[in-house]
């Protein structure tokens, strides 16, 4: 009867709009969760994307290593740290080509906040240091298969979690440390 809880979680997740960062100056209890590629790309776009990089994002595909090289060549690495650079490269590998000034697809952080915490306290997810295969294995279990994610989104979520999960519990706000899965 694990289908019923999974179905309830999937329905709840489908009705919760995906999260964005609060307006500047507002507290966000989830600030400890690293930014995803959408947020990083929006930040770079606000400060002015190099024309060559903007054109590449709009017209090219590539794996994360190729996008990392393009970001470094465009000197985007001067605006973000190495960890963020890897996160953005993974996001671009999963989503480009796309209009960098348009409505961007949701990123791993967006999916964690919208999908995972509809059934779990978010700490259950972001404190686990796991491989891509382990994350994908969880995302394909009967209790998770009904979550409203495409196969590509499952892969992008797993990639985000490999890079950004494994957060030490002492960096998690105390109010988010208790609890666990609610199913």
N, C-alpha and C. Protein backbone atom coordinates (compact mmCIF):
# COMPACT_ATOMS: atom_id res chain seq x y z
N UNK A 1 0.81 -1.20 0.00
CA UNK A 1 0.00 0.00 0.00
C UNK A 1 0.86 1.27 0.00
N UNK A 2 2.13 1.15 -0.39
CA UNK A 2 2.99 2.33 -0.47
C UNK A 2 2.59 3.23 -1.64
N UNK A 3 1.77 2.73 -2.53
CA UNK A 3 1.33 3.52 -3.69
C UNK A 3 0.52 4.72 -3.24
N UNK A 4 -0.34 4.54 -2.26
CA UNK A 4 -1.20 5.64 -1.78
C UNK A 4 -0.36 6.80 -1.25
N UNK A 5 0.62 6.57 -0.32
CA UNK A 5 1.43 7.71 0.13
C UNK A 5 2.20 8.37 -1.01
N UNK A 6 2.73 7.56 -1.93
CA UNK A 6 3.47 8.14 -3.06
C UNK A 6 2.55 8.97 -3.93
N UNK A 7 1.33 8.49 -4.14
CA UNK A 7 0.37 9.23 -4.94
C UNK A 7 -0.01 10.55 -4.27
N UNK A 8 -0.21 10.51 -2.97
CA UNK A 8 -0.53 11.73 -2.22
C UNK A 8 0.60 12.73 -2.33
N UNK A 9 1.84 12.26 -2.18
CA UNK A 9 3.00 13.14 -2.29
C UNK A 9 3.11 13.72 -3.70
N UNK A 10 2.87 12.89 -4.71
CA UNK A 10 2.95 13.36 -6.09
C UNK A 10 1.89 14.42 -6.37
N UNK A 11 0.68 14.20 -5.88
CA UNK A 11 -0.39 15.18 -6.07
C UNK A 11 -0.07 16.48 -5.34
N UNK A 12 0.46 16.37 -4.13
CA UNK A 12 0.83 17.58 -3.38
C UNK A 12 1.93 18.34 -4.11
N UNK A 13 2.91 17.62 -4.61
CA UNK A 13 4.01 18.27 -5.33
C UNK A 13 3.53 18.96 -6.60
N UNK A 14 2.57 18.36 -7.27
CA UNK A 14 2.06 18.94 -8.52
C UNK A 14 1.28 20.23 -8.27
N UNK A 15 0.77 20.41 -7.07
CA UNK A 15 -0.02 21.60 -6.78
C UNK A 15 0.78 22.72 -6.11
N UNK A 16 2.02 22.43 -5.72
CA UNK A 16 2.86 23.44 -5.08
C UNK A 16 3.72 24.09 -6.14
N UNK A 17 3.60 25.40 -6.37
CA UNK A 17 4.43 26.03 -7.39
C UNK A 17 5.90 25.94 -6.98
N UNK A 18 6.79 25.78 -7.93
CA UNK A 18 8.18 25.66 -7.56
C UNK A 18 8.70 26.97 -7.01
N UNK A 19 9.63 26.82 -6.14
CA UNK A 19 10.11 27.92 -5.32
C UNK A 19 11.08 28.81 -6.08
N UNK A 20 11.08 30.07 -5.73
CA UNK A 20 12.13 30.98 -6.16
C UNK A 20 12.66 31.66 -4.91
N UNK A 21 13.77 32.33 -5.04
CA UNK A 21 14.36 33.03 -3.91
C UNK A 21 13.46 34.19 -3.50
N UNK A 22 13.39 34.48 -2.19
CA UNK A 22 12.62 35.65 -1.77
C UNK A 22 13.32 36.93 -2.23
N UNK A 23 12.57 38.01 -2.21
CA UNK A 23 13.13 39.30 -2.60
C UNK A 23 14.33 39.63 -1.73
N UNK A 24 15.24 40.38 -2.29
CA UNK A 24 16.44 40.77 -1.57
C UNK A 24 16.10 41.38 -0.23
N UNK A 25 16.83 40.98 0.78
CA UNK A 25 16.61 41.51 2.11
C UNK A 25 15.70 40.64 2.96
N UNK A 26 14.98 39.70 2.35
CA UNK A 26 14.12 38.81 3.11
C UNK A 26 14.92 37.61 3.58
N UNK A 27 14.58 37.12 4.77
CA UNK A 27 15.22 35.92 5.27
C UNK A 27 14.66 34.71 4.54
N UNK A 28 15.52 33.76 4.27
CA UNK A 28 15.11 32.51 3.65
C UNK A 28 15.71 31.39 4.49
N UNK A 29 14.86 30.62 5.15
CA UNK A 29 15.32 29.53 5.99
C UNK A 29 16.09 28.51 5.18
N UNK A 30 15.92 28.52 3.86
CA UNK A 30 16.59 27.56 2.99
C UNK A 30 17.87 28.11 2.36
N UNK A 31 18.38 29.24 2.83
CA UNK A 31 19.61 29.83 2.29
C UNK A 31 20.80 28.88 2.36
N UNK A 32 20.77 27.91 3.25
CA UNK A 32 21.89 26.98 3.39
C UNK A 32 21.97 26.01 2.20
N UNK A 33 20.91 25.91 1.41
CA UNK A 33 20.90 25.04 0.24
C UNK A 33 21.51 25.83 -0.92
N UNK A 34 22.57 25.30 -1.53
CA UNK A 34 23.25 26.06 -2.60
C UNK A 34 22.33 26.40 -3.77
N UNK A 35 22.60 27.55 -4.37
CA UNK A 35 21.86 27.98 -5.55
C UNK A 35 21.97 26.94 -6.65
N UNK A 36 20.91 26.85 -7.43
CA UNK A 36 20.92 26.00 -8.61
C UNK A 36 21.30 26.80 -9.83
N UNK A 37 21.39 26.11 -10.95
CA UNK A 37 21.82 26.75 -12.19
C UNK A 37 20.95 27.89 -12.66
N UNK A 38 19.64 27.78 -12.49
CA UNK A 38 18.74 28.87 -12.91
C UNK A 38 19.09 30.15 -12.17
N UNK A 39 19.21 30.05 -10.87
CA UNK A 39 19.52 31.21 -10.05
C UNK A 39 20.89 31.78 -10.40
N UNK A 40 21.87 30.90 -10.61
CA UNK A 40 23.22 31.35 -10.97
C UNK A 40 23.22 32.05 -12.33
N UNK A 41 22.51 31.47 -13.30
CA UNK A 41 22.45 32.09 -14.62
C UNK A 41 21.72 33.43 -14.57
N UNK A 42 20.64 33.51 -13.82
CA UNK A 42 19.94 34.79 -13.67
C UNK A 42 20.86 35.84 -13.05
N UNK A 43 21.66 35.44 -12.07
CA UNK A 43 22.61 36.37 -11.45
C UNK A 43 23.65 36.87 -12.44
N UNK A 44 24.18 35.96 -13.24
CA UNK A 44 25.14 36.38 -14.27
C UNK A 44 24.49 37.29 -15.31
N UNK A 45 23.25 36.97 -15.68
CA UNK A 45 22.54 37.79 -16.67
C UNK A 45 22.31 39.21 -16.13
N UNK A 46 22.02 39.32 -14.83
CA UNK A 46 21.81 40.65 -14.24
C UNK A 46 23.06 41.50 -14.27
N UNK A 47 24.22 40.85 -14.15
CA UNK A 47 25.48 41.61 -14.15
C UNK A 47 26.05 41.77 -15.55
N UNK A 48 25.39 41.14 -16.54
CA UNK A 48 25.80 41.29 -17.93
C UNK A 48 26.55 40.07 -18.45
N UNK A 49 25.87 39.27 -19.24
CA UNK A 49 26.51 38.10 -19.85
C UNK A 49 27.36 38.53 -21.05
N UNK A 50 28.50 37.99 -21.18
CA UNK A 50 29.34 38.13 -22.35
C UNK A 50 28.52 37.70 -23.57
N UNK A 51 28.57 38.47 -24.66
CA UNK A 51 27.76 38.17 -25.86
C UNK A 51 28.03 36.77 -26.41
N UNK A 52 29.29 36.36 -26.41
CA UNK A 52 29.62 35.02 -26.93
C UNK A 52 29.00 33.93 -26.07
N UNK A 53 29.01 34.13 -24.75
CA UNK A 53 28.42 33.14 -23.86
C UNK A 53 26.90 33.12 -24.02
N UNK A 54 26.28 34.28 -24.10
CA UNK A 54 24.83 34.35 -24.30
C UNK A 54 24.44 33.66 -25.61
N UNK A 55 25.21 33.88 -26.67
CA UNK A 55 24.94 33.21 -27.95
C UNK A 55 25.10 31.70 -27.82
N UNK A 56 26.13 31.26 -27.13
CA UNK A 56 26.35 29.82 -26.94
C UNK A 56 25.19 29.19 -26.18
N UNK A 57 24.73 29.85 -25.12
CA UNK A 57 23.61 29.33 -24.33
C UNK A 57 22.36 29.23 -25.19
N UNK A 58 22.17 30.18 -26.08
CA UNK A 58 20.98 30.22 -26.93
C UNK A 58 21.03 29.22 -28.09
N UNK A 59 22.23 28.78 -28.48
CA UNK A 59 22.31 27.98 -29.70
C UNK A 59 23.03 26.65 -29.58
N UNK A 60 23.78 26.42 -28.52
CA UNK A 60 24.64 25.24 -28.46
C UNK A 60 24.21 24.24 -27.39
N UNK A 61 24.68 23.02 -27.57
CA UNK A 61 24.55 21.97 -26.57
C UNK A 61 25.96 21.57 -26.15
N UNK A 62 26.05 20.78 -25.12
CA UNK A 62 27.35 20.27 -24.68
C UNK A 62 27.22 19.59 -23.35
N UNK A 63 28.24 18.85 -22.98
CA UNK A 63 28.24 18.23 -21.66
C UNK A 63 28.75 19.23 -20.63
N UNK A 64 28.74 18.83 -19.38
CA UNK A 64 29.12 19.75 -18.30
C UNK A 64 30.56 20.24 -18.46
N UNK A 65 31.46 19.38 -18.90
CA UNK A 65 32.86 19.79 -19.07
C UNK A 65 32.99 20.86 -20.15
N UNK A 66 32.26 20.69 -21.25
CA UNK A 66 32.31 21.68 -22.33
C UNK A 66 31.73 23.02 -21.86
N UNK A 67 30.64 22.96 -21.11
CA UNK A 67 30.04 24.21 -20.61
C UNK A 67 30.96 24.87 -19.58
N UNK A 68 31.64 24.07 -18.78
CA UNK A 68 32.57 24.64 -17.80
C UNK A 68 33.66 25.42 -18.54
N UNK A 69 34.20 24.82 -19.60
CA UNK A 69 35.23 25.49 -20.39
C UNK A 69 34.71 26.79 -20.99
N UNK A 70 33.47 26.77 -21.50
CA UNK A 70 32.89 27.99 -22.09
C UNK A 70 32.69 29.07 -21.02
N UNK A 71 32.27 28.66 -19.83
CA UNK A 71 32.08 29.62 -18.74
C UNK A 71 33.40 30.24 -18.31
N UNK A 72 34.44 29.42 -18.23
CA UNK A 72 35.77 29.94 -17.87
C UNK A 72 36.28 30.87 -18.97
N UNK A 73 36.12 30.49 -20.23
CA UNK A 73 36.57 31.34 -21.34
C UNK A 73 35.85 32.69 -21.34
N UNK A 74 34.59 32.69 -20.90
CA UNK A 74 33.81 33.94 -20.84
C UNK A 74 34.06 34.69 -19.53
N UNK A 75 34.95 34.18 -18.71
CA UNK A 75 35.31 34.76 -17.42
C UNK A 75 34.15 34.80 -16.44
N UNK A 76 33.18 33.91 -16.61
CA UNK A 76 32.09 33.80 -15.64
C UNK A 76 32.62 33.30 -14.31
N UNK A 77 33.76 32.63 -14.33
CA UNK A 77 34.34 32.11 -13.09
C UNK A 77 34.85 33.23 -12.18
N UNK A 78 34.90 34.46 -12.69
CA UNK A 78 35.30 35.58 -11.82
C UNK A 78 34.12 36.05 -10.98
N UNK A 79 32.89 35.68 -11.39
CA UNK A 79 31.69 36.11 -10.67
C UNK A 79 31.15 35.04 -9.73
N UNK A 80 31.51 33.78 -9.97
CA UNK A 80 31.00 32.67 -9.15
C UNK A 80 32.16 31.76 -8.78
N UNK A 81 32.00 31.02 -7.69
CA UNK A 81 33.08 30.14 -7.26
C UNK A 81 33.07 28.83 -8.05
N UNK A 82 34.07 28.01 -7.84
CA UNK A 82 34.24 26.77 -8.60
C UNK A 82 33.05 25.82 -8.44
N UNK A 83 32.53 25.73 -7.23
CA UNK A 83 31.38 24.86 -6.96
C UNK A 83 30.17 25.34 -7.76
N UNK A 84 29.93 26.65 -7.73
CA UNK A 84 28.82 27.22 -8.49
C UNK A 84 29.04 27.05 -9.99
N UNK A 85 30.28 27.17 -10.42
CA UNK A 85 30.61 26.99 -11.83
C UNK A 85 30.22 25.58 -12.29
N UNK A 86 30.53 24.58 -11.47
CA UNK A 86 30.16 23.20 -11.79
C UNK A 86 28.64 23.03 -11.81
N UNK A 87 27.96 23.66 -10.86
CA UNK A 87 26.50 23.58 -10.81
C UNK A 87 25.88 24.22 -12.06
N UNK A 88 26.38 25.38 -12.45
CA UNK A 88 25.87 26.05 -13.64
C UNK A 88 26.19 25.24 -14.90
N UNK A 89 27.38 24.66 -14.98
CA UNK A 89 27.75 23.85 -16.14
C UNK A 89 26.82 22.65 -16.26
N UNK A 90 26.49 22.01 -15.16
CA UNK A 90 25.55 20.87 -15.18
C UNK A 90 24.17 21.34 -15.67
N UNK A 91 23.72 22.49 -15.17
CA UNK A 91 22.43 23.04 -15.56
C UNK A 91 22.39 23.32 -17.06
N UNK A 92 23.45 23.93 -17.59
CA UNK A 92 23.50 24.22 -19.02
C UNK A 92 23.55 22.94 -19.85
N UNK A 93 24.28 21.94 -19.37
CA UNK A 93 24.34 20.65 -20.08
C UNK A 93 22.95 20.03 -20.18
N UNK A 94 22.15 20.20 -19.15
CA UNK A 94 20.80 19.62 -19.13
C UNK A 94 19.79 20.44 -19.91
N UNK A 95 20.01 21.75 -20.05
CA UNK A 95 18.95 22.63 -20.57
C UNK A 95 19.25 23.41 -21.83
N UNK A 96 20.51 23.65 -22.16
CA UNK A 96 20.83 24.43 -23.36
C UNK A 96 20.60 23.58 -24.60
N UNK A 97 20.21 24.23 -25.69
CA UNK A 97 20.07 25.67 -25.88
C UNK A 97 18.77 26.22 -25.30
N UNK A 98 18.86 27.46 -24.84
CA UNK A 98 17.71 28.18 -24.30
C UNK A 98 18.04 29.67 -24.32
N UNK A 99 17.02 30.48 -24.21
CA UNK A 99 17.20 31.93 -24.18
C UNK A 99 17.63 32.33 -22.77
N UNK A 100 18.88 32.78 -22.58
CA UNK A 100 19.32 33.12 -21.23
C UNK A 100 18.59 34.32 -20.62
N UNK A 101 17.89 35.08 -21.45
CA UNK A 101 17.13 36.22 -20.93
C UNK A 101 15.65 35.89 -20.78
N UNK A 102 15.26 34.67 -21.16
CA UNK A 102 13.85 34.28 -21.10
C UNK A 102 13.50 33.58 -19.80
N UNK A 103 12.36 32.94 -19.79
CA UNK A 103 11.95 32.13 -18.64
C UNK A 103 12.79 30.87 -18.64
N UNK A 104 13.58 30.70 -17.61
CA UNK A 104 14.51 29.58 -17.54
C UNK A 104 13.86 28.36 -16.89
N UNK A 105 14.25 27.17 -17.34
CA UNK A 105 13.74 25.96 -16.70
C UNK A 105 14.16 25.89 -15.22
N UNK A 106 13.37 25.23 -14.43
CA UNK A 106 13.72 25.10 -13.02
C UNK A 106 15.01 24.30 -12.88
N UNK A 107 15.67 24.54 -11.77
CA UNK A 107 16.95 23.88 -11.53
C UNK A 107 16.82 22.89 -10.37
N UNK A 108 17.92 22.27 -10.01
CA UNK A 108 17.90 21.26 -8.95
C UNK A 108 17.40 21.78 -7.62
N UNK A 109 17.80 22.98 -7.25
CA UNK A 109 17.33 23.57 -5.99
C UNK A 109 15.82 23.78 -6.03
N UNK A 110 15.34 24.28 -7.16
CA UNK A 110 13.89 24.46 -7.32
C UNK A 110 13.16 23.13 -7.13
N UNK A 111 13.69 22.09 -7.75
CA UNK A 111 13.04 20.78 -7.67
C UNK A 111 13.10 20.20 -6.25
N UNK A 112 14.22 20.37 -5.57
CA UNK A 112 14.32 19.90 -4.19
C UNK A 112 13.24 20.56 -3.34
N UNK A 113 13.12 21.87 -3.45
CA UNK A 113 12.16 22.59 -2.61
C UNK A 113 10.72 22.30 -3.00
N UNK A 114 10.45 22.12 -4.28
CA UNK A 114 9.07 21.89 -4.71
C UNK A 114 8.66 20.43 -4.61
N UNK A 115 9.55 19.52 -4.91
CA UNK A 115 9.17 18.12 -4.99
C UNK A 115 9.52 17.34 -3.72
N UNK A 116 10.74 17.46 -3.25
CA UNK A 116 11.19 16.61 -2.14
C UNK A 116 10.49 16.95 -0.83
N UNK A 117 10.35 18.22 -0.55
CA UNK A 117 9.81 18.56 0.76
C UNK A 117 8.29 18.49 0.83
N UNK A 118 7.66 18.07 -0.27
CA UNK A 118 6.23 17.82 -0.16
C UNK A 118 5.97 16.53 0.64
N UNK A 119 7.00 15.68 0.76
CA UNK A 119 6.87 14.44 1.56
C UNK A 119 7.90 14.36 2.69
N UNK A 120 9.04 14.99 2.54
CA UNK A 120 10.13 14.92 3.52
C UNK A 120 10.40 16.31 4.08
N UNK A 121 11.02 16.34 5.25
CA UNK A 121 11.70 17.57 5.65
C UNK A 121 12.92 17.65 4.73
N UNK A 122 13.23 18.80 4.23
CA UNK A 122 14.26 18.95 3.22
C UNK A 122 15.62 18.44 3.70
N UNK A 123 15.84 18.44 5.00
CA UNK A 123 17.11 17.98 5.57
C UNK A 123 17.39 16.52 5.21
N UNK A 124 16.35 15.70 5.11
CA UNK A 124 16.52 14.29 4.76
C UNK A 124 17.23 14.18 3.42
N UNK A 125 16.98 15.08 2.51
CA UNK A 125 17.55 15.02 1.18
C UNK A 125 18.93 15.68 1.14
N UNK A 126 19.03 16.91 1.58
CA UNK A 126 20.26 17.68 1.33
C UNK A 126 21.44 17.31 2.22
N UNK A 127 21.23 16.51 3.24
CA UNK A 127 22.37 16.09 4.06
C UNK A 127 22.97 14.77 3.60
N UNK A 128 22.37 14.14 2.59
CA UNK A 128 22.88 12.86 2.09
C UNK A 128 23.93 13.07 1.00
N UNK A 129 25.08 12.46 1.17
CA UNK A 129 26.15 12.49 0.17
C UNK A 129 26.07 11.17 -0.59
N UNK A 130 25.55 11.23 -1.81
CA UNK A 130 25.29 10.01 -2.57
C UNK A 130 25.77 10.17 -4.01
N UNK A 131 25.89 9.04 -4.69
CA UNK A 131 26.27 9.04 -6.10
C UNK A 131 25.03 9.34 -6.97
N UNK A 132 25.28 9.64 -8.22
CA UNK A 132 24.19 9.86 -9.17
C UNK A 132 23.31 8.62 -9.27
N UNK A 133 23.94 7.44 -9.37
CA UNK A 133 23.17 6.20 -9.47
C UNK A 133 22.31 5.98 -8.23
N UNK A 134 22.83 6.32 -7.07
CA UNK A 134 22.04 6.15 -5.84
C UNK A 134 20.84 7.10 -5.83
N UNK A 135 21.04 8.36 -6.25
CA UNK A 135 19.93 9.30 -6.32
C UNK A 135 18.89 8.83 -7.34
N UNK A 136 19.35 8.40 -8.51
CA UNK A 136 18.42 7.92 -9.52
C UNK A 136 17.69 6.67 -9.05
N UNK A 137 18.39 5.81 -8.30
CA UNK A 137 17.73 4.64 -7.75
C UNK A 137 16.58 5.02 -6.83
N UNK A 138 16.81 6.02 -5.99
CA UNK A 138 15.74 6.50 -5.10
C UNK A 138 14.60 7.11 -5.91
N UNK A 139 14.94 7.92 -6.90
CA UNK A 139 13.92 8.59 -7.70
C UNK A 139 13.09 7.62 -8.54
N UNK A 140 13.57 6.39 -8.70
CA UNK A 140 12.83 5.38 -9.46
C UNK A 140 12.18 4.32 -8.58
N UNK A 141 12.28 4.47 -7.26
CA UNK A 141 11.60 3.53 -6.36
C UNK A 141 10.09 3.78 -6.42
N UNK A 142 9.31 2.75 -6.08
CA UNK A 142 7.85 2.92 -6.11
C UNK A 142 7.35 4.12 -5.30
N UNK A 143 8.01 4.43 -4.20
CA UNK A 143 7.56 5.56 -3.37
C UNK A 143 7.88 6.91 -4.00
N UNK A 144 8.70 6.94 -5.05
CA UNK A 144 9.10 8.20 -5.67
C UNK A 144 8.75 8.30 -7.16
N UNK A 145 8.38 7.22 -7.78
CA UNK A 145 8.18 7.21 -9.23
C UNK A 145 7.01 8.10 -9.68
N UNK A 146 6.05 8.31 -8.81
CA UNK A 146 4.90 9.14 -9.17
C UNK A 146 5.15 10.64 -9.01
N UNK A 147 6.34 11.01 -8.55
CA UNK A 147 6.68 12.43 -8.42
C UNK A 147 6.67 13.05 -9.82
N UNK A 148 6.10 14.23 -9.91
CA UNK A 148 5.90 14.89 -11.20
C UNK A 148 7.22 15.46 -11.73
N UNK A 149 8.07 14.55 -12.25
CA UNK A 149 9.33 14.92 -12.87
C UNK A 149 9.49 14.10 -14.15
N UNK A 150 10.00 14.74 -15.20
CA UNK A 150 10.34 13.99 -16.40
C UNK A 150 11.62 13.21 -16.13
N UNK A 151 11.94 12.32 -17.03
CA UNK A 151 13.19 11.56 -16.88
C UNK A 151 14.40 12.50 -16.92
N UNK A 152 14.37 13.50 -17.81
CA UNK A 152 15.46 14.48 -17.87
C UNK A 152 15.57 15.27 -16.57
N UNK A 153 14.42 15.65 -15.98
CA UNK A 153 14.44 16.37 -14.71
C UNK A 153 15.00 15.50 -13.59
N UNK A 154 14.67 14.21 -13.60
CA UNK A 154 15.24 13.30 -12.60
C UNK A 154 16.76 13.28 -12.70
N UNK A 155 17.26 13.24 -13.92
CA UNK A 155 18.71 13.27 -14.12
C UNK A 155 19.32 14.58 -13.67
N UNK A 156 18.68 15.68 -14.01
CA UNK A 156 19.18 17.00 -13.60
C UNK A 156 19.14 17.15 -12.08
N UNK A 157 18.09 16.65 -11.45
CA UNK A 157 17.99 16.69 -9.99
C UNK A 157 19.10 15.85 -9.37
N UNK A 158 19.32 14.65 -9.89
CA UNK A 158 20.40 13.80 -9.37
C UNK A 158 21.76 14.51 -9.53
N UNK A 159 22.00 15.13 -10.67
CA UNK A 159 23.27 15.84 -10.89
C UNK A 159 23.43 16.98 -9.89
N UNK A 160 22.37 17.74 -9.66
CA UNK A 160 22.42 18.83 -8.69
C UNK A 160 22.75 18.28 -7.30
N UNK A 161 22.08 17.21 -6.91
CA UNK A 161 22.29 16.65 -5.57
C UNK A 161 23.69 16.08 -5.39
N UNK A 162 24.25 15.48 -6.42
CA UNK A 162 25.62 14.96 -6.33
C UNK A 162 26.58 16.10 -6.02
N UNK A 163 26.39 17.24 -6.67
CA UNK A 163 27.27 18.39 -6.47
C UNK A 163 26.99 19.15 -5.18
N UNK A 164 25.73 19.22 -4.77
CA UNK A 164 25.35 20.17 -3.72
C UNK A 164 24.78 19.58 -2.45
N UNK A 165 24.44 18.30 -2.43
CA UNK A 165 23.95 17.68 -1.20
C UNK A 165 25.15 17.20 -0.37
N UNK A 166 24.87 16.56 0.72
CA UNK A 166 25.94 16.20 1.65
C UNK A 166 26.29 17.36 2.57
N UNK A 167 25.32 18.24 2.78
CA UNK A 167 25.52 19.42 3.62
C UNK A 167 25.64 18.96 5.07
N UNK A 168 26.69 19.38 5.78
CA UNK A 168 26.82 19.00 7.20
C UNK A 168 25.63 19.50 8.02
N UNK A 169 25.17 18.66 8.92
CA UNK A 169 23.98 18.98 9.72
C UNK A 169 24.15 20.28 10.51
N UNK A 170 25.36 20.62 10.91
CA UNK A 170 25.54 21.85 11.68
C UNK A 170 25.34 23.11 10.83
N UNK A 171 25.26 22.98 9.50
CA UNK A 171 24.95 24.12 8.64
C UNK A 171 23.45 24.25 8.36
N UNK A 172 22.68 23.28 8.81
CA UNK A 172 21.23 23.29 8.63
C UNK A 172 20.61 24.06 9.80
N UNK A 173 19.69 24.98 9.53
CA UNK A 173 19.04 25.71 10.62
C UNK A 173 18.41 24.73 11.62
N UNK A 174 18.51 25.01 12.91
CA UNK A 174 17.99 24.09 13.94
C UNK A 174 16.53 23.70 13.72
N UNK A 175 15.71 24.61 13.23
CA UNK A 175 14.29 24.29 13.04
C UNK A 175 14.05 23.27 11.93
N UNK A 176 15.07 23.01 11.13
CA UNK A 176 14.93 22.03 10.05
C UNK A 176 15.67 20.72 10.35
N UNK A 177 16.21 20.57 11.54
CA UNK A 177 16.98 19.37 11.86
C UNK A 177 16.15 18.21 12.36
N UNK A 178 14.99 18.44 12.85
CA UNK A 178 14.16 17.37 13.40
C UNK A 178 13.26 16.82 12.32
N UNK A 179 12.81 15.61 12.53
CA UNK A 179 11.82 15.03 11.63
C UNK A 179 12.44 14.15 10.58
N UNK A 180 11.68 13.84 9.58
CA UNK A 180 12.13 12.95 8.51
C UNK A 180 11.02 12.77 7.52
N UNK A 181 11.06 11.64 6.86
CA UNK A 181 10.02 11.35 5.87
C UNK A 181 8.67 11.29 6.57
N UNK A 182 7.67 11.80 5.92
CA UNK A 182 6.34 11.83 6.52
C UNK A 182 5.44 10.73 5.98
N UNK A 183 6.00 9.81 5.25
CA UNK A 183 5.18 8.70 4.77
C UNK A 183 5.64 7.40 5.37
